[in-house]
mmCIF file of all heavy atoms, coordinates in Angstrom:
data_MODEL
# 
_entry.id   MODEL 
# 
loop_
_atom_site.group_PDB 
_atom_site.id 
_atom_site.type_symbol 
_atom_site.label_atom_id 
_atom_site.label_alt_id 
_atom_site.label_comp_id 
_atom_site.label_asym_id 
_atom_site.label_entity_id 
_atom_site.label_seq_id 
_atom_site.pdbx_PDB_ins_code 
_atom_site.Cartn_x 
_atom_site.Cartn_y 
_atom_site.Cartn_z 
_atom_site.occupancy 
_atom_site.B_iso_or_equiv 
_atom_site.pdbx_formal_charge 
_atom_site.auth_seq_id 
_atom_site.auth_comp_id 
_atom_site.auth_asym_id 
_atom_site.auth_atom_id 
_atom_site.pdbx_PDB_model_num 
ATOM 1   N N   . THR A 1 1  ? -6.980  -5.061  -6.222  1.00 0.00 ? 1  THR A N   1 
ATOM 2   C CA  . THR A 1 1  ? -7.420  -3.894  -5.389  1.00 0.00 ? 1  THR A CA  1 
ATOM 3   C C   . THR A 1 1  ? -7.411  -4.288  -3.940  1.00 0.00 ? 1  THR A C   1 
ATOM 4   O O   . THR A 1 1  ? -7.735  -5.427  -3.554  1.00 0.00 ? 1  THR A O   1 
ATOM 5   C CB  . THR A 1 1  ? -8.831  -3.459  -5.816  1.00 0.00 ? 1  THR A CB  1 
ATOM 6   O OG1 . THR A 1 1  ? -8.786  -3.086  -7.188  1.00 0.00 ? 1  THR A OG1 1 
ATOM 7   C CG2 . THR A 1 1  ? -9.296  -2.287  -4.965  1.00 0.00 ? 1  THR A CG2 1 
ATOM 8   N N   . LEU A 1 2  ? -7.015  -3.346  -3.095  1.00 0.00 ? 2  LEU A N   1 
ATOM 9   C CA  . LEU A 1 2  ? -7.043  -3.518  -1.620  1.00 0.00 ? 2  LEU A CA  1 
ATOM 10  C C   . LEU A 1 2  ? -7.978  -2.515  -1.009  1.00 0.00 ? 2  LEU A C   1 
ATOM 11  O O   . LEU A 1 2  ? -7.857  -1.291  -1.236  1.00 0.00 ? 2  LEU A O   1 
ATOM 12  C CB  . LEU A 1 2  ? -5.636  -3.321  -1.053  1.00 0.00 ? 2  LEU A CB  1 
ATOM 13  C CG  . LEU A 1 2  ? -5.476  -3.394  0.473   1.00 0.00 ? 2  LEU A CG  1 
ATOM 14  C CD1 . LEU A 1 2  ? -5.640  -4.860  0.930   1.00 0.00 ? 2  LEU A CD1 1 
ATOM 15  C CD2 . LEU A 1 2  ? -4.133  -2.868  0.878   1.00 0.00 ? 2  LEU A CD2 1 
ATOM 16  N N   . ILE A 1 3  ? -8.959  -2.966  -0.273  1.00 0.00 ? 3  ILE A N   1 
ATOM 17  C CA  . ILE A 1 3  ? -9.843  -2.065  0.475   1.00 0.00 ? 3  ILE A CA  1 
ATOM 18  C C   . ILE A 1 3  ? -9.325  -1.995  1.907   1.00 0.00 ? 3  ILE A C   1 
ATOM 19  O O   . ILE A 1 3  ? -9.389  -3.008  2.618   1.00 0.00 ? 3  ILE A O   1 
ATOM 20  C CB  . ILE A 1 3  ? -11.293 -2.505  0.411   1.00 0.00 ? 3  ILE A CB  1 
ATOM 21  C CG1 . ILE A 1 3  ? -11.792 -2.527  -1.036  1.00 0.00 ? 3  ILE A CG1 1 
ATOM 22  C CG2 . ILE A 1 3  ? -12.205 -1.593  1.249   1.00 0.00 ? 3  ILE A CG2 1 
ATOM 23  C CD1 . ILE A 1 3  ? -13.274 -2.880  -1.222  1.00 0.00 ? 3  ILE A CD1 1 
ATOM 24  N N   . ALA A 1 4  ? -8.795  -0.847  2.304   1.00 0.00 ? 4  ALA A N   1 
ATOM 25  C CA  . ALA A 1 4  ? -8.079  -0.750  3.551   1.00 0.00 ? 4  ALA A CA  1 
ATOM 26  C C   . ALA A 1 4  ? -8.852  0.112   4.569   1.00 0.00 ? 4  ALA A C   1 
ATOM 27  O O   . ALA A 1 4  ? -9.881  0.688   4.216   1.00 0.00 ? 4  ALA A O   1 
ATOM 28  C CB  . ALA A 1 4  ? -6.728  -0.095  3.336   1.00 0.00 ? 4  ALA A CB  1 
ATOM 29  N N   . GLY A 1 5  ? -8.383  0.073   5.796   1.00 0.00 ? 5  GLY A N   1 
ATOM 30  C CA  . GLY A 1 5  ? -8.972  0.870   6.862   1.00 0.00 ? 5  GLY A CA  1 
ATOM 31  C C   . GLY A 1 5  ? -8.411  2.272   6.871   1.00 0.00 ? 5  GLY A C   1 
ATOM 32  O O   . GLY A 1 5  ? -7.596  2.639   5.995   1.00 0.00 ? 5  GLY A O   1 
ATOM 33  N N   . ALA A 1 6  ? -8.853  3.069   7.815   1.00 0.00 ? 6  ALA A N   1 
ATOM 34  C CA  . ALA A 1 6  ? -8.466  4.486   7.872   1.00 0.00 ? 6  ALA A CA  1 
ATOM 35  C C   . ALA A 1 6  ? -6.961  4.601   8.143   1.00 0.00 ? 6  ALA A C   1 
ATOM 36  O O   . ALA A 1 6  ? -6.325  3.786   8.847   1.00 0.00 ? 6  ALA A O   1 
ATOM 37  C CB  . ALA A 1 6  ? -9.232  5.170   8.971   1.00 0.00 ? 6  ALA A CB  1 
ATOM 38  N N   . ASN A 1 7  ? -6.357  5.664   7.591   1.00 0.00 ? 7  ASN A N   1 
ATOM 39  C CA  . ASN A 1 7  ? -4.989  6.040   7.796   1.00 0.00 ? 7  ASN A CA  1 
ATOM 40  C C   . ASN A 1 7  ? -4.010  4.960   7.302   1.00 0.00 ? 7  ASN A C   1 
ATOM 41  O O   . ASN A 1 7  ? -2.965  4.763   7.903   1.00 0.00 ? 7  ASN A O   1 
ATOM 42  C CB  . ASN A 1 7  ? -4.746  6.322   9.262   1.00 0.00 ? 7  ASN A CB  1 
ATOM 43  C CG  . ASN A 1 7  ? -3.613  7.276   9.514   1.00 0.00 ? 7  ASN A CG  1 
ATOM 44  O OD1 . ASN A 1 7  ? -3.281  8.117   8.689   1.00 0.00 ? 7  ASN A OD1 1 
ATOM 45  N ND2 . ASN A 1 7  ? -2.925  7.141   10.634  1.00 0.00 ? 7  ASN A ND2 1 
ATOM 46  N N   . PHE A 1 8  ? -4.390  4.310   6.217   1.00 0.00 ? 8  PHE A N   1 
ATOM 47  C CA  . PHE A 1 8  ? -3.495  3.289   5.648   1.00 0.00 ? 8  PHE A CA  1 
ATOM 48  C C   . PHE A 1 8  ? -2.204  3.917   5.122   1.00 0.00 ? 8  PHE A C   1 
ATOM 49  O O   . PHE A 1 8  ? -2.248  4.928   4.494   1.00 0.00 ? 8  PHE A O   1 
ATOM 50  C CB  . PHE A 1 8  ? -4.196  2.580   4.507   1.00 0.00 ? 8  PHE A CB  1 
ATOM 51  C CG  . PHE A 1 8  ? -3.384  1.448   3.907   1.00 0.00 ? 8  PHE A CG  1 
ATOM 52  C CD1 . PHE A 1 8  ? -3.398  0.176   4.448   1.00 0.00 ? 8  PHE A CD1 1 
ATOM 53  C CD2 . PHE A 1 8  ? -2.635  1.653   2.787   1.00 0.00 ? 8  PHE A CD2 1 
ATOM 54  C CE1 . PHE A 1 8  ? -2.618  -0.821  3.910   1.00 0.00 ? 8  PHE A CE1 1 
ATOM 55  C CE2 . PHE A 1 8  ? -1.835  0.693   2.220   1.00 0.00 ? 8  PHE A CE2 1 
ATOM 56  C CZ  . PHE A 1 8  ? -1.859  -0.595  2.809   1.00 0.00 ? 8  PHE A CZ  1 
ATOM 57  N N   . GLY A 1 9  ? -1.070  3.261   5.392   1.00 0.00 ? 9  GLY A N   1 
ATOM 58  C CA  . GLY A 1 9  ? 0.193   3.776   4.948   1.00 0.00 ? 9  GLY A CA  1 
ATOM 59  C C   . GLY A 1 9  ? 0.809   4.851   5.793   1.00 0.00 ? 9  GLY A C   1 
ATOM 60  O O   . GLY A 1 9  ? 1.707   5.608   5.294   1.00 0.00 ? 9  GLY A O   1 
ATOM 61  N N   . CYS A 1 10 ? 0.371   4.989   7.049   1.00 0.00 ? 10 CYS A N   1 
ATOM 62  C CA  . CYS A 1 10 ? 0.941   5.981   7.894   1.00 0.00 ? 10 CYS A CA  1 
ATOM 63  C C   . CYS A 1 10 ? 2.346   5.597   8.323   1.00 0.00 ? 10 CYS A C   1 
ATOM 64  O O   . CYS A 1 10 ? 2.809   4.505   7.971   1.00 0.00 ? 10 CYS A O   1 
ATOM 65  C CB  . CYS A 1 10 ? 0.036   6.183   9.156   1.00 0.00 ? 10 CYS A CB  1 
ATOM 66  S SG  . CYS A 1 10 ? -0.212  4.647   10.081  1.00 0.00 ? 10 CYS A SG  1 
ATOM 67  N N   . GLY A 1 11 ? 3.041   6.455   9.015   1.00 0.00 ? 11 GLY A N   1 
ATOM 68  C CA  . GLY A 1 11 ? 4.388   6.179   9.401   1.00 0.00 ? 11 GLY A CA  1 
ATOM 69  C C   . GLY A 1 11 ? 5.352   6.781   8.470   1.00 0.00 ? 11 GLY A C   1 
ATOM 70  O O   . GLY A 1 11 ? 5.064   7.788   7.791   1.00 0.00 ? 11 GLY A O   1 
ATOM 71  N N   . SER A 1 12 ? 6.568   6.229   8.392   1.00 0.00 ? 12 SER A N   1 
ATOM 72  C CA  . SER A 1 12 ? 7.623   6.810   7.587   1.00 0.00 ? 12 SER A CA  1 
ATOM 73  C C   . SER A 1 12 ? 7.333   6.607   6.080   1.00 0.00 ? 12 SER A C   1 
ATOM 74  O O   . SER A 1 12 ? 6.713   5.623   5.694   1.00 0.00 ? 12 SER A O   1 
ATOM 75  C CB  . SER A 1 12 ? 8.988   6.235   7.940   1.00 0.00 ? 12 SER A CB  1 
ATOM 76  O OG  . SER A 1 12 ? 8.929   4.811   7.725   1.00 0.00 ? 12 SER A OG  1 
ATOM 77  N N   . SER A 1 13 ? 7.812   7.557   5.306   1.00 0.00 ? 13 SER A N   1 
ATOM 78  C CA  . SER A 1 13 ? 7.687   7.389   3.835   1.00 0.00 ? 13 SER A CA  1 
ATOM 79  C C   . SER A 1 13 ? 8.632   6.305   3.359   1.00 0.00 ? 13 SER A C   1 
ATOM 80  O O   . SER A 1 13 ? 9.845   6.375   3.660   1.00 0.00 ? 13 SER A O   1 
ATOM 81  C CB  . SER A 1 13 ? 7.970   8.730   3.155   1.00 0.00 ? 13 SER A CB  1 
ATOM 82  O OG  . SER A 1 13 ? 7.818   8.611   1.772   1.00 0.00 ? 13 SER A OG  1 
ATOM 83  N N   . ARG A 1 14 ? 8.122   5.329   2.664   1.00 0.00 ? 14 ARG A N   1 
ATOM 84  C CA  . ARG A 1 14 ? 8.980   4.162   2.360   1.00 0.00 ? 14 ARG A CA  1 
ATOM 85  C C   . ARG A 1 14 ? 8.573   3.625   0.960   1.00 0.00 ? 14 ARG A C   1 
ATOM 86  O O   . ARG A 1 14 ? 7.565   2.971   0.814   1.00 0.00 ? 14 ARG A O   1 
ATOM 87  C CB  . ARG A 1 14 ? 8.769   3.108   3.445   1.00 0.00 ? 14 ARG A CB  1 
ATOM 88  C CG  . ARG A 1 14 ? 9.683   1.902   3.309   1.00 0.00 ? 14 ARG A CG  1 
ATOM 89  C CD  . ARG A 1 14 ? 9.610   1.033   4.566   1.00 0.00 ? 14 ARG A CD  1 
ATOM 90  N NE  . ARG A 1 14 ? 10.075  1.784   5.761   1.00 0.00 ? 14 ARG A NE  1 
ATOM 91  C CZ  . ARG A 1 14 ? 10.075  1.258   6.998   1.00 0.00 ? 14 ARG A CZ  1 
ATOM 92  N NH1 . ARG A 1 14 ? 9.543   0.048   7.200   1.00 0.00 ? 14 ARG A NH1 1 
ATOM 93  N NH2 . ARG A 1 14 ? 10.543  1.937   7.985   1.00 0.00 ? 14 ARG A NH2 1 
ATOM 94  N N   . GLU A 1 15 ? 9.445   3.900   -0.023  1.00 0.00 ? 15 GLU A N   1 
ATOM 95  C CA  . GLU A 1 15 ? 9.183   3.396   -1.373  1.00 0.00 ? 15 GLU A CA  1 
ATOM 96  C C   . GLU A 1 15 ? 9.068   1.865   -1.473  1.00 0.00 ? 15 GLU A C   1 
ATOM 97  O O   . GLU A 1 15 ? 8.291   1.373   -2.205  1.00 0.00 ? 15 GLU A O   1 
ATOM 98  C CB  . GLU A 1 15 ? 10.253  3.943   -2.337  1.00 0.00 ? 15 GLU A CB  1 
ATOM 99  C CG  . GLU A 1 15 ? 10.033  3.515   -3.757  1.00 0.00 ? 15 GLU A CG  1 
ATOM 100 C CD  . GLU A 1 15 ? 8.785   4.169   -4.373  1.00 0.00 ? 15 GLU A CD  1 
ATOM 101 O OE1 . GLU A 1 15 ? 8.334   5.215   -3.880  1.00 0.00 ? 15 GLU A OE1 1 
ATOM 102 O OE2 . GLU A 1 15 ? 8.228   3.620   -5.324  1.00 0.00 ? 15 GLU A OE2 1 
ATOM 103 N N   . PRO A 1 16 ? 9.914   1.113   -0.723  1.00 0.00 ? 16 PRO A N   1 
ATOM 104 C CA  . PRO A 1 16 ? 9.783   -0.346  -0.744  1.00 0.00 ? 16 PRO A CA  1 
ATOM 105 C C   . PRO A 1 16 ? 8.389   -0.827  -0.302  1.00 0.00 ? 16 PRO A C   1 
ATOM 106 O O   . PRO A 1 16 ? 7.973   -1.918  -0.708  1.00 0.00 ? 16 PRO A O   1 
ATOM 107 C CB  . PRO A 1 16 ? 10.881  -0.841  0.217   1.00 0.00 ? 16 PRO A CB  1 
ATOM 108 C CG  . PRO A 1 16 ? 11.920  0.246   0.107   1.00 0.00 ? 16 PRO A CG  1 
ATOM 109 C CD  . PRO A 1 16 ? 11.169  1.491   0.028   1.00 0.00 ? 16 PRO A CD  1 
ATOM 110 N N   . ALA A 1 17 ? 7.666   -0.026  0.506   1.00 0.00 ? 17 ALA A N   1 
ATOM 111 C CA  . ALA A 1 17 ? 6.330   -0.442  0.870   1.00 0.00 ? 17 ALA A CA  1 
ATOM 112 C C   . ALA A 1 17 ? 5.419   -0.483  -0.327  1.00 0.00 ? 17 ALA A C   1 
ATOM 113 O O   . ALA A 1 17 ? 4.603   -1.352  -0.523  1.00 0.00 ? 17 ALA A O   1 
ATOM 114 C CB  . ALA A 1 17 ? 5.768   0.511   1.917   1.00 0.00 ? 17 ALA A CB  1 
ATOM 115 N N   . VAL A 1 18 ? 5.590   0.481   -1.235  1.00 0.00 ? 18 VAL A N   1 
ATOM 116 C CA  . VAL A 1 18 ? 4.853   0.529   -2.473  1.00 0.00 ? 18 VAL A CA  1 
ATOM 117 C C   . VAL A 1 18 ? 5.230   -0.653  -3.362  1.00 0.00 ? 18 VAL A C   1 
ATOM 118 O O   . VAL A 1 18 ? 4.377   -1.352  -3.897  1.00 0.00 ? 18 VAL A O   1 
ATOM 119 C CB  . VAL A 1 18 ? 5.056   1.848   -3.206  1.00 0.00 ? 18 VAL A CB  1 
ATOM 120 C CG1 . VAL A 1 18 ? 4.314   1.820   -4.547  1.00 0.00 ? 18 VAL A CG1 1 
ATOM 121 C CG2 . VAL A 1 18 ? 4.609   3.014   -2.384  1.00 0.00 ? 18 VAL A CG2 1 
ATOM 122 N N   . ARG A 1 19 ? 6.507   -0.913  -3.429  1.00 0.00 ? 19 ARG A N   1 
ATOM 123 C CA  . ARG A 1 19 ? 6.989   -2.046  -4.256  1.00 0.00 ? 19 ARG A CA  1 
ATOM 124 C C   . ARG A 1 19 ? 6.505   -3.372  -3.710  1.00 0.00 ? 19 ARG A C   1 
ATOM 125 O O   . ARG A 1 19 ? 6.124   -4.273  -4.493  1.00 0.00 ? 19 ARG A O   1 
ATOM 126 C CB  . ARG A 1 19 ? 8.509   -2.020  -4.346  1.00 0.00 ? 19 ARG A CB  1 
ATOM 127 C CG  . ARG A 1 19 ? 9.076   -0.828  -5.116  1.00 0.00 ? 19 ARG A CG  1 
ATOM 128 C CD  . ARG A 1 19 ? 10.528  -1.099  -5.486  1.00 0.00 ? 19 ARG A CD  1 
ATOM 129 N NE  . ARG A 1 19 ? 11.033  0.013   -6.300  1.00 0.00 ? 19 ARG A NE  1 
ATOM 130 C CZ  . ARG A 1 19 ? 11.754  1.033   -5.824  1.00 0.00 ? 19 ARG A CZ  1 
ATOM 131 N NH1 . ARG A 1 19 ? 12.043  1.052   -4.522  1.00 0.00 ? 19 ARG A NH1 1 
ATOM 132 N NH2 . ARG A 1 19 ? 12.210  1.944   -6.610  1.00 0.00 ? 19 ARG A NH2 1 
ATOM 133 N N   . ALA A 1 20 ? 6.494   -3.544  -2.392  1.00 0.00 ? 20 ALA A N   1 
ATOM 134 C CA  . ALA A 1 20 ? 6.013   -4.789  -1.786  1.00 0.00 ? 20 ALA A CA  1 
ATOM 135 C C   . ALA A 1 20 ? 4.538   -5.047  -2.106  1.00 0.00 ? 20 ALA A C   1 
ATOM 136 O O   . ALA A 1 20 ? 4.141   -6.148  -2.426  1.00 0.00 ? 20 ALA A O   1 
ATOM 137 C CB  . ALA A 1 20 ? 6.259   -4.792  -0.289  1.00 0.00 ? 20 ALA A CB  1 
ATOM 138 N N   . ILE A 1 21 ? 3.758   -3.956  -1.982  1.00 0.00 ? 21 ILE A N   1 
ATOM 139 C CA  . ILE A 1 21 ? 2.341   -4.085  -2.309  1.00 0.00 ? 21 ILE A CA  1 
ATOM 140 C C   . ILE A 1 21 ? 2.116   -4.409  -3.759  1.00 0.00 ? 21 ILE A C   1 
ATOM 141 O O   . ILE A 1 21 ? 1.327   -5.285  -4.108  1.00 0.00 ? 21 ILE A O   1 
ATOM 142 C CB  . ILE A 1 21 ? 1.572   -2.759  -1.918  1.00 0.00 ? 21 ILE A CB  1 
ATOM 143 C CG1 . ILE A 1 21 ? 1.618   -2.540  -0.435  1.00 0.00 ? 21 ILE A CG1 1 
ATOM 144 C CG2 . ILE A 1 21 ? 0.169   -2.796  -2.435  1.00 0.00 ? 21 ILE A CG2 1 
ATOM 145 C CD1 . ILE A 1 21 ? 1.093   -1.174  -0.003  1.00 0.00 ? 21 ILE A CD1 1 
ATOM 146 N N   . ALA A 1 22 ? 2.858   -3.724  -4.617  1.00 0.00 ? 22 ALA A N   1 
ATOM 147 C CA  . ALA A 1 22 ? 2.738   -3.973  -6.047  1.00 0.00 ? 22 ALA A CA  1 
ATOM 148 C C   . ALA A 1 22 ? 3.211   -5.411  -6.412  1.00 0.00 ? 22 ALA A C   1 
ATOM 149 O O   . ALA A 1 22 ? 2.639   -6.044  -7.295  1.00 0.00 ? 22 ALA A O   1 
ATOM 150 C CB  . ALA A 1 22 ? 3.571   -2.961  -6.824  1.00 0.00 ? 22 ALA A CB  1 
ATOM 151 N N   . GLY A 1 23 ? 4.169   -5.930  -5.642  1.00 0.00 ? 23 GLY A N   1 
ATOM 152 C CA  . GLY A 1 23 ? 4.582   -7.308  -5.891  1.00 0.00 ? 23 GLY A CA  1 
ATOM 153 C C   . GLY A 1 23 ? 3.508   -8.306  -5.604  1.00 0.00 ? 23 GLY A C   1 
ATOM 154 O O   . GLY A 1 23 ? 3.593   -9.448  -6.173  1.00 0.00 ? 23 GLY A O   1 
ATOM 155 N N   . LEU A 1 24 ? 2.517   -7.987  -4.815  1.00 0.00 ? 24 LEU A N   1 
ATOM 156 C CA  . LEU A 1 24 ? 1.394   -8.898  -4.550  1.00 0.00 ? 24 LEU A CA  1 
ATOM 157 C C   . LEU A 1 24 ? 0.387   -8.802  -5.701  1.00 0.00 ? 24 LEU A C   1 
ATOM 158 O O   . LEU A 1 24 ? -0.596  -9.564  -5.698  1.00 0.00 ? 24 LEU A O   1 
ATOM 159 C CB  . LEU A 1 24 ? 0.720   -8.506  -3.250  1.00 0.00 ? 24 LEU A CB  1 
ATOM 160 C CG  . LEU A 1 24 ? 1.516   -8.716  -1.976  1.00 0.00 ? 24 LEU A CG  1 
ATOM 161 C CD1 . LEU A 1 24 ? 0.728   -8.191  -0.762  1.00 0.00 ? 24 LEU A CD1 1 
ATOM 162 C CD2 . LEU A 1 24 ? 1.877   -10.167 -1.753  1.00 0.00 ? 24 LEU A CD2 1 
ATOM 163 N N   . GLY A 1 25 ? 0.605   -7.911  -6.629  1.00 0.00 ? 25 GLY A N   1 
ATOM 164 C CA  . GLY A 1 25 ? -0.336  -7.703  -7.727  1.00 0.00 ? 25 GLY A CA  1 
ATOM 165 C C   . GLY A 1 25 ? -1.366  -6.606  -7.488  1.00 0.00 ? 25 GLY A C   1 
ATOM 166 O O   . GLY A 1 25 ? -2.303  -6.424  -8.327  1.00 0.00 ? 25 GLY A O   1 
ATOM 167 N N   . ILE A 1 26 ? -1.280  -5.885  -6.390  1.00 0.00 ? 26 ILE A N   1 
ATOM 168 C CA  . ILE A 1 26 ? -2.197  -4.858  -6.042  1.00 0.00 ? 26 ILE A CA  1 
ATOM 169 C C   . ILE A 1 26 ? -1.860  -3.577  -6.804  1.00 0.00 ? 26 ILE A C   1 
ATOM 170 O O   . ILE A 1 26 ? -0.717  -3.137  -6.796  1.00 0.00 ? 26 ILE A O   1 
ATOM 171 C CB  . ILE A 1 26 ? -2.202  -4.575  -4.502  1.00 0.00 ? 26 ILE A CB  1 
ATOM 172 C CG1 . ILE A 1 26 ? -2.681  -5.824  -3.747  1.00 0.00 ? 26 ILE A CG1 1 
ATOM 173 C CG2 . ILE A 1 26 ? -3.068  -3.385  -4.172  1.00 0.00 ? 26 ILE A CG2 1 
ATOM 174 C CD1 . ILE A 1 26 ? -2.463  -5.776  -2.266  1.00 0.00 ? 26 ILE A CD1 1 
ATOM 175 N N   . ARG A 1 27 ? -2.840  -2.999  -7.502  1.00 0.00 ? 27 ARG A N   1 
ATOM 176 C CA  . ARG A 1 27 ? -2.582  -1.769  -8.266  1.00 0.00 ? 27 ARG A CA  1 
ATOM 177 C C   . ARG A 1 27 ? -3.394  -0.601  -7.690  1.00 0.00 ? 27 ARG A C   1 
ATOM 178 O O   . ARG A 1 27 ? -3.169  0.547   -8.153  1.00 0.00 ? 27 ARG A O   1 
ATOM 179 C CB  . ARG A 1 27 ? -2.967  -1.982  -9.737  1.00 0.00 ? 27 ARG A CB  1 
ATOM 180 C CG  . ARG A 1 27 ? -2.185  -3.067  -10.418 1.00 0.00 ? 27 ARG A CG  1 
ATOM 181 C CD  . ARG A 1 27 ? -0.665  -2.885  -10.289 1.00 0.00 ? 27 ARG A CD  1 
ATOM 182 N NE  . ARG A 1 27 ? -0.216  -1.549  -10.558 1.00 0.00 ? 27 ARG A NE  1 
ATOM 183 C CZ  . ARG A 1 27 ? 0.086   -1.088  -11.794 1.00 0.00 ? 27 ARG A CZ  1 
ATOM 184 N NH1 . ARG A 1 27 ? -0.191  -1.829  -12.853 1.00 0.00 ? 27 ARG A NH1 1 
ATOM 185 N NH2 . ARG A 1 27 ? 0.558   0.109   -11.975 1.00 0.00 ? 27 ARG A NH2 1 
ATOM 186 N N   . CYS A 1 28 ? -4.396  -0.824  -6.868  1.00 0.00 ? 28 CYS A N   1 
ATOM 187 C CA  . CYS A 1 28 ? -5.244  0.241   -6.344  1.00 0.00 ? 28 CYS A CA  1 
ATOM 188 C C   . CYS A 1 28 ? -5.541  0.010   -4.868  1.00 0.00 ? 28 CYS A C   1 
ATOM 189 O O   . CYS A 1 28 ? -5.772  -1.101  -4.461  1.00 0.00 ? 28 CYS A O   1 
ATOM 190 C CB  . CYS A 1 28 ? -6.530  0.303   -7.180  1.00 0.00 ? 28 CYS A CB  1 
ATOM 191 S SG  . CYS A 1 28 ? -7.700  1.610   -6.609  1.00 0.00 ? 28 CYS A SG  1 
ATOM 192 N N   . ILE A 1 29 ? -5.572  1.121   -4.117  1.00 0.00 ? 29 ILE A N   1 
ATOM 193 C CA  . ILE A 1 29 ? -5.966  1.077   -2.720  1.00 0.00 ? 29 ILE A CA  1 
ATOM 194 C C   . ILE A 1 29 ? -7.127  1.965   -2.525  1.00 0.00 ? 29 ILE A C   1 
ATOM 195 O O   . ILE A 1 29 ? -7.106  3.128   -2.903  1.00 0.00 ? 29 ILE A O   1 
ATOM 196 C CB  . ILE A 1 29 ? -4.788  1.508   -1.834  1.00 0.00 ? 29 ILE A CB  1 
ATOM 197 C CG1 . ILE A 1 29 ? -3.608  0.567   -2.006  1.00 0.00 ? 29 ILE A CG1 1 
ATOM 198 C CG2 . ILE A 1 29 ? -5.237  1.519   -0.349  1.00 0.00 ? 29 ILE A CG2 1 
ATOM 199 C CD1 . ILE A 1 29 ? -2.342  1.083   -1.310  1.00 0.00 ? 29 ILE A CD1 1 
ATOM 200 N N   . ILE A 1 30 ? -8.158  1.436   -1.890  1.00 0.00 ? 30 ILE A N   1 
ATOM 201 C CA  . ILE A 1 30 ? -9.386  2.219   -1.561  1.00 0.00 ? 30 ILE A CA  1 
ATOM 202 C C   . ILE A 1 30 ? -9.422  2.298   -0.019  1.00 0.00 ? 30 ILE A C   1 
ATOM 203 O O   . ILE A 1 30 ? -9.466  1.288   0.661   1.00 0.00 ? 30 ILE A O   1 
ATOM 204 C CB  . ILE A 1 30 ? -10.672 1.576   -2.071  1.00 0.00 ? 30 ILE A CB  1 
ATOM 205 C CG1 . ILE A 1 30 ? -10.615 1.495   -3.603  1.00 0.00 ? 30 ILE A CG1 1 
ATOM 206 C CG2 . ILE A 1 30 ? -11.883 2.348   -1.599  1.00 0.00 ? 30 ILE A CG2 1 
ATOM 207 C CD1 . ILE A 1 30 ? -11.828 0.755   -4.249  1.00 0.00 ? 30 ILE A CD1 1 
# 
């Protein structure tokens, strides 16, 4: 799990961003 700050994931829509996060073992973002 990743506890993030406000407006996390802003900017361009990018599927590799999801894959990179998942590659770290993260399954949930709060």
